[in-house]
Amino acid sequence: MAHEITDETLDEILANNSVVIIDFWAEWCGPCRMVAPVIAELAETYKGKAFIGSINVDENPDSPSKFMIRNIPTILYFKDGKLVDKVVGAMPKATFQTKLDALL
């Protein structure tokens, strides 16, 4: 299962993990619900290699604002604390996995 990230924990997570993938989502978002199981699968597959988590944009408004998230789901990819890639919308697992593999 993907880690739950909040506005309060985001900076610490980015500082303490080399590769971080964050899914910005909301409960009411249909495409977000399609992506959630894929993100959870990736979190299990890459446990120990990458930190994979999700931020509920309704409960944590500062983080989406900080990264100018306008549409959800948006998945951001970080390497050594720097934003290096993003995917907007529901995509196949292979799309997320290919981008993640490129960072490892």
PDB file of N, CA and C in Angstrom:
ATOM      1  N   MET A   1       0.834  -1.189   0.000  1.00  0.00           N
ATOM      2  CA  MET A   1       0.000   0.000   0.000  1.00  0.00           C
ATOM      3  C   MET A   1       0.880   1.255   0.000  1.00  0.00           C
ATOM      4  N   ALA A   2       0.454   2.266  -0.727  1.00  0.00           N
ATOM      5  CA  ALA A   2       1.203   3.519  -0.799  1.00  0.00           C
ATOM      6  C   ALA A   2       1.154   4.242   0.545  1.00  0.00           C
ATOM      7  N   HIS A   3       2.222   4.935   0.859  1.00  0.00           N
ATOM      8  CA  HIS A   3       2.293   5.705   2.098  1.00  0.00           C
ATOM      9  C   HIS A   3       1.377   6.918   2.013  1.00  0.00           C
ATOM     10  N   GLU A   4       0.758   7.264   3.120  1.00  0.00           N
ATOM     11  CA  GLU A   4      -0.055   8.472   3.211  1.00  0.00           C
ATOM     12  C   GLU A   4       0.880   9.649   3.471  1.00  0.00           C
ATOM     13  N   ILE A   5       0.802  10.670   2.640  1.00  0.00           N
ATOM     14  CA  ILE A   5       1.639  11.861   2.789  1.00  0.00           C
ATOM     15  C   ILE A   5       0.725  13.036   3.106  1.00  0.00           C
ATOM     16  N   THR A   6       1.214  13.938   3.961  1.00  0.00           N
ATOM     17  CA  THR A   6       0.458  15.140   4.295  1.00  0.00           C
ATOM     18  C   THR A   6       1.305  16.369   3.985  1.00  0.00           C
ATOM     19  N   ASP A   7       0.677  17.536   4.043  1.00  0.00           N
ATOM     20  CA  ASP A   7       1.425  18.780   3.863  1.00  0.00           C
ATOM     21  C   ASP A   7       2.585  18.854   4.858  1.00  0.00           C
ATOM     22  N   GLU A   8       2.345  18.352   6.076  1.00  0.00           N
ATOM     23  CA  GLU A   8       3.343  18.431   7.135  1.00  0.00           C
ATOM     24  C   GLU A   8       4.510  17.468   6.917  1.00  0.00           C
ATOM     25  N   THR A   9       4.290  16.339   6.270  1.00  0.00           N
ATOM     26  CA  THR A   9       5.352  15.332   6.124  1.00  0.00           C
ATOM     27  C   THR A   9       6.078  15.384   4.780  1.00  0.00           C
ATOM     28  N   LEU A  10       5.563  16.120   3.826  1.00  0.00           N
ATOM     29  CA  LEU A  10       6.108  16.103   2.465  1.00  0.00           C
ATOM     30  C   LEU A  10       7.586  16.484   2.402  1.00  0.00           C
ATOM     31  N   ASP A  11       7.974  17.600   2.980  1.00  0.00           N
ATOM     32  CA  ASP A  11       9.365  18.055   2.876  1.00  0.00           C
ATOM     33  C   ASP A  11      10.340  17.052   3.481  1.00  0.00           C
ATOM     34  N   GLU A  12       9.966  16.470   4.622  1.00  0.00           N
ATOM     35  CA  GLU A  12      10.818  15.479   5.274  1.00  0.00           C
ATOM     36  C   GLU A  12      10.974  14.231   4.398  1.00  0.00           C
ATOM     37  N   ILE A  13       9.893  13.797   3.772  1.00  0.00           N
ATOM     38  CA  ILE A  13       9.939  12.624   2.882  1.00  0.00           C
ATOM     39  C   ILE A  13      10.858  12.888   1.698  1.00  0.00           C
ATOM     40  N   LEU A  14      10.728  14.067   1.095  1.00  0.00           N
ATOM     41  CA  LEU A  14      11.579  14.401  -0.051  1.00  0.00           C
ATOM     42  C   LEU A  14      13.046  14.495   0.356  1.00  0.00           C
ATOM     43  N   ALA A  15      13.320  14.973   1.562  1.00  0.00           N
ATOM     44  CA  ALA A  15      14.702  15.130   2.027  1.00  0.00           C
ATOM     45  C   ALA A  15      15.348  13.790   2.386  1.00  0.00           C
ATOM     46  N   ASN A  16      14.554  12.816   2.801  1.00  0.00           N
ATOM     47  CA  ASN A  16      15.099  11.572   3.335  1.00  0.00           C
ATOM     48  C   ASN A  16      15.035  10.372   2.398  1.00  0.00           C
ATOM     49  N   ASN A  17      14.566  10.575   1.172  1.00  0.00           N
ATOM     50  CA  ASN A  17      14.448   9.468   0.225  1.00  0.00           C
ATOM     51  C   ASN A  17      14.997   9.892  -1.130  1.00  0.00           C
ATOM     52  N   SER A  18      15.788   9.017  -1.753  1.00  0.00           N
ATOM     53  CA  SER A  18      16.397   9.339  -3.037  1.00  0.00           C
ATOM     54  C   SER A  18      15.358   9.435  -4.154  1.00  0.00           C
ATOM     55  N   VAL A  19      14.480   8.430  -4.246  1.00  0.00           N
ATOM     56  CA  VAL A  19      13.454   8.413  -5.291  1.00  0.00           C
ATOM     57  C   VAL A  19      12.078   8.416  -4.615  1.00  0.00           C
ATOM     58  N   VAL A  20      11.264   9.416  -4.970  1.00  0.00           N
ATOM     59  CA  VAL A  20       9.931   9.561  -4.384  1.00  0.00           C
ATOM     60  C   VAL A  20       8.908   9.744  -5.500  1.00  0.00           C
ATOM     61  N   ILE A  21       7.830   8.973  -5.418  1.00  0.00           N
ATOM     62  CA  ILE A  21       6.714   9.100  -6.357  1.00  0.00           C
ATOM     63  C   ILE A  21       5.492   9.490  -5.527  1.00  0.00           C
ATOM     64  N   ILE A  22       4.801  10.556  -5.927  1.00  0.00           N
ATOM     65  CA  ILE A  22       3.636  11.021  -5.179  1.00  0.00           C
ATOM     66  C   ILE A  22       2.428  11.124  -6.102  1.00  0.00           C
ATOM     67  N   ASP A  23       1.356  10.473  -5.669  1.00  0.00           N
ATOM     68  CA  ASP A  23       0.071  10.501  -6.371  1.00  0.00           C
ATOM     69  C   ASP A  23      -0.817  11.533  -5.690  1.00  0.00           C
ATOM     70  N   PHE A  24      -1.174  12.592  -6.414  1.00  0.00           N
ATOM     71  CA  PHE A  24      -2.109  13.597  -5.913  1.00  0.00           C
ATOM     72  C   PHE A  24      -3.506  13.169  -6.348  1.00  0.00           C
ATOM     73  N   TRP A  25      -4.415  12.993  -5.381  1.00  0.00           N
ATOM     74  CA  TRP A  25      -5.723  12.408  -5.656  1.00  0.00           C
ATOM     75  C   TRP A  25      -6.801  13.013  -4.762  1.00  0.00           C
ATOM     76  N   ALA A  26      -8.062  12.649  -5.050  1.00  0.00           N
ATOM     77  CA  ALA A  26      -9.205  13.008  -4.203  1.00  0.00           C
ATOM     78  C   ALA A  26     -10.206  11.860  -4.240  1.00  0.00           C
ATOM     79  N   GLU A  27     -10.949  11.717  -3.163  1.00  0.00           N
ATOM     80  CA  GLU A  27     -11.930  10.638  -3.021  1.00  0.00           C
ATOM     81  C   GLU A  27     -12.979  10.660  -4.135  1.00  0.00           C
ATOM     82  N   TRP A  28     -13.409  11.844  -4.547  1.00  0.00           N
ATOM     83  CA  TRP A  28     -14.496  12.006  -5.513  1.00  0.00           C
ATOM     84  C   TRP A  28     -14.047  11.838  -6.970  1.00  0.00           C
ATOM     85  N   CYS A  29     -12.761  11.631  -7.187  1.00  0.00           N
ATOM     86  CA  CYS A  29     -12.180  11.595  -8.536  1.00  0.00           C
ATOM     87  C   CYS A  29     -12.157  10.166  -9.076  1.00  0.00           C
ATOM     88  N   GLY A  30     -12.956   9.899 -10.105  1.00  0.00           N
ATOM     89  CA  GLY A  30     -13.021   8.570 -10.720  1.00  0.00           C
ATOM     90  C   GLY A  30     -11.682   8.070 -11.246  1.00  0.00           C
ATOM     91  N   PRO A  31     -10.980   8.845 -12.066  1.00  0.00           N
ATOM     92  CA  PRO A  31      -9.670   8.402 -12.556  1.00  0.00           C
ATOM     93  C   PRO A  31      -8.674   8.152 -11.417  1.00  0.00           C
ATOM     94  N   CYS A  32      -8.799   8.915 -10.330  1.00  0.00           N
ATOM     95  CA  CYS A  32      -7.916   8.705  -9.172  1.00  0.00           C
ATOM     96  C   CYS A  32      -8.144   7.320  -8.577  1.00  0.00           C
ATOM     97  N   ARG A  33      -9.393   6.908  -8.523  1.00  0.00           N
ATOM     98  CA  ARG A  33      -9.711   5.589  -7.974  1.00  0.00           C
ATOM     99  C   ARG A  33      -9.196   4.480  -8.893  1.00  0.00           C
ATOM    100  N   MET A  34      -9.083   4.765 -10.185  1.00  0.00           N
ATOM    101  CA  MET A  34      -8.509   3.789 -11.121  1.00  0.00           C
ATOM    102  C   MET A  34      -6.992   3.662 -10.925  1.00  0.00           C
ATOM    103  N   VAL A  35      -6.342   4.760 -10.625  1.00  0.00           N
ATOM    104  CA  VAL A  35      -4.889   4.788 -10.478  1.00  0.00           C
ATOM    105  C   VAL A  35      -4.444   4.249  -9.112  1.00  0.00           C
ATOM    106  N   ALA A  36      -5.248   4.426  -8.078  1.00  0.00           N
ATOM    107  CA  ALA A  36      -4.859   4.060  -6.706  1.00  0.00           C
ATOM    108  C   ALA A  36      -4.342   2.621  -6.571  1.00  0.00           C
ATOM    109  N   PRO A  37      -5.029   1.606  -7.142  1.00  0.00           N
ATOM    110  CA  PRO A  37      -4.501   0.245  -7.001  1.00  0.00           C
ATOM    111  C   PRO A  37      -3.159   0.046  -7.711  1.00  0.00           C
ATOM    112  N   VAL A  38      -2.941   0.750  -8.794  1.00  0.00           N
ATOM    113  CA  VAL A  38      -1.669   0.665  -9.522  1.00  0.00           C
ATOM    114  C   VAL A  38      -0.552   1.255  -8.663  1.00  0.00           C
ATOM    115  N   ILE A  39      -0.819   2.396  -8.050  1.00  0.00           N
ATOM    116  CA  ILE A  39       0.169   3.034  -7.173  1.00  0.00           C
ATOM    117  C   ILE A  39       0.479   2.108  -5.985  1.00  0.00           C
ATOM    118  N   ALA A  40      -0.555   1.487  -5.428  1.00  0.00           N
ATOM    119  CA  ALA A  40      -0.369   0.554  -4.306  1.00  0.00           C
ATOM    120  C   ALA A  40       0.500  -0.637  -4.724  1.00  0.00           C
ATOM    121  N   GLU A  41       0.269  -1.159  -5.925  1.00  0.00           N
ATOM    122  CA  GLU A  41       1.083  -2.270  -6.454  1.00  0.00           C
ATOM    123  C   GLU A  41       2.541  -1.861  -6.601  1.00  0.00           C
ATOM    124  N   LEU A  42       2.754  -0.673  -7.154  1.00  0.00           N
ATOM    125  CA  LEU A  42       4.122  -0.176  -7.338  1.00  0.00           C
ATOM    126  C   LEU A  42       4.808   0.007  -5.988  1.00  0.00           C
ATOM    127  N   ALA A  43       4.067   0.474  -4.984  1.00  0.00           N
ATOM    128  CA  ALA A  43       4.639   0.664  -3.647  1.00  0.00           C
ATOM    129  C   ALA A  43       5.144  -0.666  -3.088  1.00  0.00           C
ATOM    130  N   GLU A  44       4.403  -1.735  -3.330  1.00  0.00           N
ATOM    131  CA  GLU A  44       4.837  -3.059  -2.863  1.00  0.00           C
ATOM    132  C   GLU A  44       6.033  -3.563  -3.678  1.00  0.00           C
ATOM    133  N   THR A  45       5.946  -3.428  -4.989  1.00  0.00           N
ATOM    134  CA  THR A  45       7.002  -3.914  -5.877  1.00  0.00           C
ATOM    135  C   THR A  45       8.334  -3.209  -5.629  1.00  0.00           C
ATOM    136  N   TYR A  46       8.282  -1.907  -5.354  1.00  0.00           N
ATOM    137  CA  TYR A  46       9.504  -1.112  -5.214  1.00  0.00           C
ATOM    138  C   TYR A  46       9.846  -0.787  -3.760  1.00  0.00           C
ATOM    139  N   LYS A  47       9.252  -1.515  -2.823  1.00  0.00           N
ATOM    140  CA  LYS A  47       9.533  -1.304  -1.406  1.00  0.00           C
ATOM    141  C   LYS A  47      11.037  -1.447  -1.178  1.00  0.00           C
ATOM    142  N   GLY A  48      11.612  -0.458  -0.496  1.00  0.00           N
ATOM    143  CA  GLY A  48      13.051  -0.474  -0.243  1.00  0.00           C
ATOM    144  C   GLY A  48      13.874   0.180  -1.344  1.00  0.00           C
ATOM    145  N   LYS A  49      13.271   0.419  -2.500  1.00  0.00           N
ATOM    146  CA  LYS A  49      13.985   1.050  -3.615  1.00  0.00           C
ATOM    147  C   LYS A  49      13.497   2.477  -3.854  1.00  0.00           C
ATOM    148  N   ALA A  50      12.195   2.715  -3.620  1.00  0.00           N
ATOM    149  CA  ALA A  50      11.602   4.030  -3.836  1.00  0.00           C
ATOM    150  C   ALA A  50      10.504   4.247  -2.796  1.00  0.00           C
ATOM    151  N   PHE A  51      10.282   5.492  -2.437  1.00  0.00           N
ATOM    152  CA  PHE A  51       9.189   5.846  -1.529  1.00  0.00           C
ATOM    153  C   PHE A  51       8.010   6.239  -2.408  1.00  0.00           C
ATOM    154  N   ILE A  52       6.925   5.495  -2.307  1.00  0.00           N
ATOM    155  CA  ILE A  52       5.745   5.758  -3.135  1.00  0.00           C
ATOM    156  C   ILE A  52       4.576   6.064  -2.216  1.00  0.00           C
ATOM    157  N   GLY A  53       4.005   7.249  -2.401  1.00  0.00           N
ATOM    158  CA  GLY A  53       2.924   7.670  -1.524  1.00  0.00           C
ATOM    159  C   GLY A  53       1.874   8.473  -2.254  1.00  0.00           C
ATOM    160  N   SER A  54       0.865   8.887  -1.482  1.00  0.00           N
ATOM    161  CA  SER A  54      -0.225   9.659  -2.069  1.00  0.00           C
ATOM    162  C   SER A  54      -0.638  10.791  -1.135  1.00  0.00           C
ATOM    163  N   ILE A  55      -1.116  11.860  -1.739  1.00  0.00           N
ATOM    164  CA  ILE A  55      -1.598  13.026  -1.005  1.00  0.00           C
ATOM    165  C   ILE A  55      -3.043  13.291  -1.425  1.00  0.00           C
ATOM    166  N   ASN A  56      -3.925  13.315  -0.444  1.00  0.00           N
ATOM    167  CA  ASN A  56      -5.316  13.684  -0.689  1.00  0.00           C
ATOM    168  C   ASN A  56      -5.352  15.210  -0.807  1.00  0.00           C
ATOM    169  N   VAL A  57      -5.704  15.718  -1.990  1.00  0.00           N
ATOM    170  CA  VAL A  57      -5.648  17.160  -2.242  1.00  0.00           C
ATOM    171  C   VAL A  57      -6.709  17.939  -1.465  1.00  0.00           C
ATOM    172  N   ASP A  58      -7.811  17.278  -1.095  1.00  0.00           N
ATOM    173  CA  ASP A  58      -8.851  17.958  -0.314  1.00  0.00           C
ATOM    174  C   ASP A  58      -8.414  18.164   1.129  1.00  0.00           C
ATOM    175  N   GLU A  59      -7.655  17.217   1.667  1.00  0.00           N
ATOM    176  CA  GLU A  59      -7.211  17.289   3.061  1.00  0.00           C
ATOM    177  C   GLU A  59      -5.882  18.017   3.212  1.00  0.00           C
ATOM    178  N   ASN A  60      -5.143  18.149   2.124  1.00  0.00           N
ATOM    179  CA  ASN A  60      -3.809  18.764   2.148  1.00  0.00           C
ATOM    180  C   ASN A  60      -3.668  19.758   1.001  1.00  0.00           C
ATOM    181  N   PRO A  61      -4.232  20.956   1.137  1.00  0.00           N
ATOM    182  CA  PRO A  61      -4.251  21.915   0.020  1.00  0.00           C
ATOM    183  C   PRO A  61      -2.916  22.596  -0.278  1.00  0.00           C
ATOM    184  N   ASP A  62      -1.982  22.599   0.678  1.00  0.00           N
ATOM    185  CA  ASP A  62      -0.723  23.319   0.464  1.00  0.00           C
ATOM    186  C   ASP A  62       0.184  22.644  -0.564  1.00  0.00           C
ATOM    187  N   SER A  63       0.276  21.326  -0.503  1.00  0.00           N
ATOM    188  CA  SER A  63       1.170  20.597  -1.414  1.00  0.00           C
ATOM    189  C   SER A  63       0.760  20.725  -2.878  1.00  0.00           C
ATOM    190  N   PRO A  64      -0.531  20.547  -3.226  1.00  0.00           N
ATOM    191  CA  PRO A  64      -0.914  20.741  -4.630  1.00  0.00           C
ATOM    192  C   PRO A  64      -0.640  22.168  -5.102  1.00  0.00           C
ATOM    193  N   SER A  65      -0.833  23.117  -4.203  1.00  0.00           N
ATOM    194  CA  SER A  65      -0.569  24.515  -4.529  1.00  0.00           C
ATOM    195  C   SER A  65       0.913  24.731  -4.810  1.00  0.00           C
ATOM    196  N   LYS A  66       1.749  24.155  -3.960  1.00  0.00           N
ATOM    197  CA  LYS A  66       3.207  24.294  -4.077  1.00  0.00           C
ATOM    198  C   LYS A  66       3.708  23.797  -5.436  1.00  0.00           C
ATOM    199  N   PHE A  67       3.103  22.711  -5.923  1.00  0.00           N
ATOM    200  CA  PHE A  67       3.549  22.127  -7.199  1.00  0.00           C
ATOM    201  C   PHE A  67       2.618  22.459  -8.360  1.00  0.00           C
ATOM    202  N   MET A  68       1.732  23.413  -8.145  1.00  0.00           N
ATOM    203  CA  MET A  68       0.794  23.891  -9.168  1.00  0.00           C
ATOM    204  C   MET A  68       0.004  22.748  -9.809  1.00  0.00           C
ATOM    205  N   ILE A  69      -0.520  21.858  -8.975  1.00  0.00           N
ATOM    206  CA  ILE A  69      -1.348  20.753  -9.443  1.00  0.00           C
ATOM    207  C   ILE A  69      -2.719  21.315  -9.802  1.00  0.00           C
ATOM    208  N   ARG A  70      -3.117  21.173 -11.048  1.00  0.00           N
ATOM    209  CA  ARG A  70      -4.402  21.698 -11.518  1.00  0.00           C
ATOM    210  C   ARG A  70      -5.395  20.582 -11.847  1.00  0.00           C
ATOM    211  N   ASN A  71      -4.869  19.420 -12.177  1.00  0.00           N
ATOM    212  CA  ASN A  71      -5.711  18.272 -12.534  1.00  0.00           C
ATOM    213  C   ASN A  71      -5.258  17.060 -11.725  1.00  0.00           C
ATOM    214  N   ILE A  72      -6.226  16.216 -11.406  1.00  0.00           N
ATOM    215  CA  ILE A  72      -5.883  14.980 -10.709  1.00  0.00           C
ATOM    216  C   ILE A  72      -6.502  13.809 -11.451  1.00  0.00           C
ATOM    217  N   PRO A  73      -5.882  12.640 -11.367  1.00  0.00           N
ATOM    218  CA  PRO A  73      -4.651  12.398 -10.644  1.00  0.00           C
ATOM    219  C   PRO A  73      -3.433  12.981 -11.364  1.00  0.00           C
ATOM    220  N   THR A  74      -2.502  13.463 -10.564  1.00  0.00           N
ATOM    221  CA  THR A  74      -1.187  13.859 -11.054  1.00  0.00           C
ATOM    222  C   THR A  74      -0.169  13.085 -10.239  1.00  0.00           C
ATOM    223  N   ILE A  75       0.761  12.450 -10.909  1.00  0.00           N
ATOM    224  CA  ILE A  75       1.806  11.690 -10.243  1.00  0.00           C
ATOM    225  C   ILE A  75       3.121  12.413 -10.508  1.00  0.00           C
ATOM    226  N   LEU A  76       3.785  12.836  -9.416  1.00  0.00           N
ATOM    227  CA  LEU A  76       5.061  13.533  -9.520  1.00  0.00           C
ATOM    228  C   LEU A  76       6.192  12.584  -9.164  1.00  0.00           C
ATOM    229  N   TYR A  77       7.284  12.710  -9.891  1.00  0.00           N
ATOM    230  CA  TYR A  77       8.487  11.890  -9.688  1.00  0.00           C
ATOM    231  C   TYR A  77       9.616  12.798  -9.217  1.00  0.00           C
ATOM    232  N   PHE A  78      10.225  12.431  -8.088  1.00  0.00           N
ATOM    233  CA  PHE A  78      11.326  13.197  -7.516  1.00  0.00           C
ATOM    234  C   PHE A  78      12.578  12.327  -7.438  1.00  0.00           C
ATOM    235  N   LYS A  79      13.702  12.950  -7.703  1.00  0.00           N
ATOM    236  CA  LYS A  79      15.014  12.285  -7.554  1.00  0.00           C
ATOM    237  C   LYS A  79      15.876  13.229  -6.727  1.00  0.00           C
ATOM    238  N   ASP A  80      16.343  12.751  -5.585  1.00  0.00           N
ATOM    239  CA  ASP A  80      17.173  13.548  -4.680  1.00  0.00           C
ATOM    240  C   ASP A  80      16.539  14.901  -4.346  1.00  0.00           C
ATOM    241  N   GLY A  81      15.231  14.875  -4.088  1.00  0.00           N
ATOM    242  CA  GLY A  81      14.508  16.074  -3.667  1.00  0.00           C
ATOM    243  C   GLY A  81      14.068  17.000  -4.782  1.00  0.00           C
ATOM    244  N   LYS A  82      14.441  16.691  -6.007  1.00  0.00           N
ATOM    245  CA  LYS A  82      14.100  17.559  -7.149  1.00  0.00           C
ATOM    246  C   LYS A  82      13.013  16.920  -8.002  1.00  0.00           C
ATOM    247  N   LEU A  83      12.039  17.708  -8.419  1.00  0.00           N
ATOM    248  CA  LEU A  83      10.989  17.237  -9.320  1.00  0.00           C
ATOM    249  C   LEU A  83      11.612  16.980 -10.690  1.00  0.00           C
ATOM    250  N   VAL A  84      11.471  15.741 -11.186  1.00  0.00           N
ATOM    251  CA  VAL A  84      12.110  15.392 -12.456  1.00  0.00           C
ATOM    252  C   VAL A  84      11.127  14.937 -13.537  1.00  0.00           C
ATOM    253  N   ASP A  85       9.902  14.585 -13.146  1.00  0.00           N
ATOM    254  CA  ASP A  85       8.940  14.112 -14.145  1.00  0.00           C
ATOM    255  C   ASP A  85       7.538  14.143 -13.559  1.00  0.00           C
ATOM    256  N   LYS A  86       6.532  14.072 -14.433  1.00  0.00           N
ATOM    257  CA  LYS A  86       5.160  13.979 -13.945  1.00  0.00           C
ATOM    258  C   LYS A  86       4.276  13.331 -14.990  1.00  0.00           C
ATOM    259  N   VAL A  87       3.180  12.747 -14.489  1.00  0.00           N
ATOM    260  CA  VAL A  87       2.164  12.148 -15.339  1.00  0.00           C
ATOM    261  C   VAL A  87       0.830  12.713 -14.866  1.00  0.00           C
ATOM    262  N   VAL A  88       0.021  13.204 -15.798  1.00  0.00           N
ATOM    263  CA  VAL A  88      -1.301  13.714 -15.450  1.00  0.00           C
ATOM    264  C   VAL A  88      -2.345  12.797 -16.078  1.00  0.00           C
ATOM    265  N   GLY A  89      -3.256  12.311 -15.237  1.00  0.00           N
ATOM    266  CA  GLY A  89      -4.337  11.457 -15.721  1.00  0.00           C
ATOM    267  C   GLY A  89      -4.058   9.987 -15.466  1.00  0.00           C
ATOM    268  N   ALA A  90      -5.088   9.192 -15.696  1.00  0.00           N
ATOM    269  CA  ALA A  90      -4.984   7.742 -15.510  1.00  0.00           C
ATOM    270  C   ALA A  90      -4.234   7.142 -16.694  1.00  0.00           C
ATOM    271  N   MET A  91      -3.198   6.398 -16.392  1.00  0.00           N
ATOM    272  CA  MET A  91      -2.366   5.753 -17.410  1.00  0.00           C
ATOM    273  C   MET A  91      -2.194   4.286 -17.039  1.00  0.00           C
ATOM    274  N   PRO A  92      -1.739   3.466 -17.986  1.00  0.00           N
ATOM    275  CA  PRO A  92      -1.452   2.067 -17.667  1.00  0.00           C
ATOM    276  C   PRO A  92      -0.267   1.961 -16.702  1.00  0.00           C
ATOM    277  N   LYS A  93      -0.224   0.884 -15.962  1.00  0.00           N
ATOM    278  CA  LYS A  93       0.848   0.636 -14.996  1.00  0.00           C
ATOM    279  C   LYS A  93       2.222   0.768 -15.647  1.00  0.00           C
ATOM    280  N   ALA A  94       2.360   0.279 -16.859  1.00  0.00           N
ATOM    281  CA  ALA A  94       3.651   0.312 -17.557  1.00  0.00           C
ATOM    282  C   ALA A  94       4.190   1.734 -17.697  1.00  0.00           C
ATOM    283  N   THR A  95       3.314   2.705 -17.893  1.00  0.00           N
ATOM    284  CA  THR A  95       3.739   4.102 -18.026  1.00  0.00           C
ATOM    285  C   THR A  95       4.409   4.570 -16.744  1.00  0.00           C
ATOM    286  N   PHE A  96       3.767   4.307 -15.614  1.00  0.00           N
ATOM    287  CA  PHE A  96       4.318   4.711 -14.316  1.00  0.00           C
ATOM    288  C   PHE A  96       5.616   3.964 -14.023  1.00  0.00           C
ATOM    289  N   GLN A  97       5.609   2.676 -14.343  1.00  0.00           N
ATOM    290  CA  GLN A  97       6.744   1.803 -14.048  1.00  0.00           C
ATOM    291  C   GLN A  97       7.976   2.197 -14.869  1.00  0.00           C
ATOM    292  N   THR A  98       7.797   2.518 -16.126  1.00  0.00           N
ATOM    293  CA  THR A  98       8.909   2.912 -16.995  1.00  0.00           C
ATOM    294  C   THR A  98       9.585   4.167 -16.466  1.00  0.00           C
ATOM    295  N   LYS A  99       8.796   5.145 -16.063  1.00  0.00           N
ATOM    296  CA  LYS A  99       9.363   6.387 -15.527  1.00  0.00           C
ATOM    297  C   LYS A  99      10.082   6.131 -14.211  1.00  0.00           C
ATOM    298  N   LEU A 100       9.516   5.269 -13.384  1.00  0.00           N
ATOM    299  CA  LEU A 100      10.128   4.924 -12.107  1.00  0.00           C
ATOM    300  C   LEU A 100      11.442   4.179 -12.314  1.00  0.00           C
ATOM    301  N   ASP A 101      11.439   3.204 -13.199  1.00  0.00           N
ATOM    302  CA  ASP A 101      12.661   2.442 -13.487  1.00  0.00           C
ATOM    303  C   ASP A 101      13.792   3.343 -13.976  1.00  0.00           C
ATOM    304  N   ALA A 102      13.467   4.371 -14.720  1.00  0.00           N
ATOM    305  CA  ALA A 102      14.477   5.288 -15.252  1.00  0.00           C
ATOM    306  C   ALA A 102      15.177   6.059 -14.130  1.00  0.00           C
ATOM    307  N   LEU A 103      14.522   6.197 -12.987  1.00  0.00           N
ATOM    308  CA  LEU A 103      15.112   6.955 -11.872  1.00  0.00           C
ATOM    309  C   LEU A 103      15.963   6.092 -10.943  1.00  0.00           C
ATOM    310  N   LEU A 104      15.814   4.780 -11.058  1.00  0.00           N
ATOM    311  CA  LEU A 104      16.523   3.884 -10.130  1.00  0.00           C
ATOM    312  C   LEU A 104      17.889   3.468 -10.626  1.00  0.00           C
TER     313      LEU A 104
END
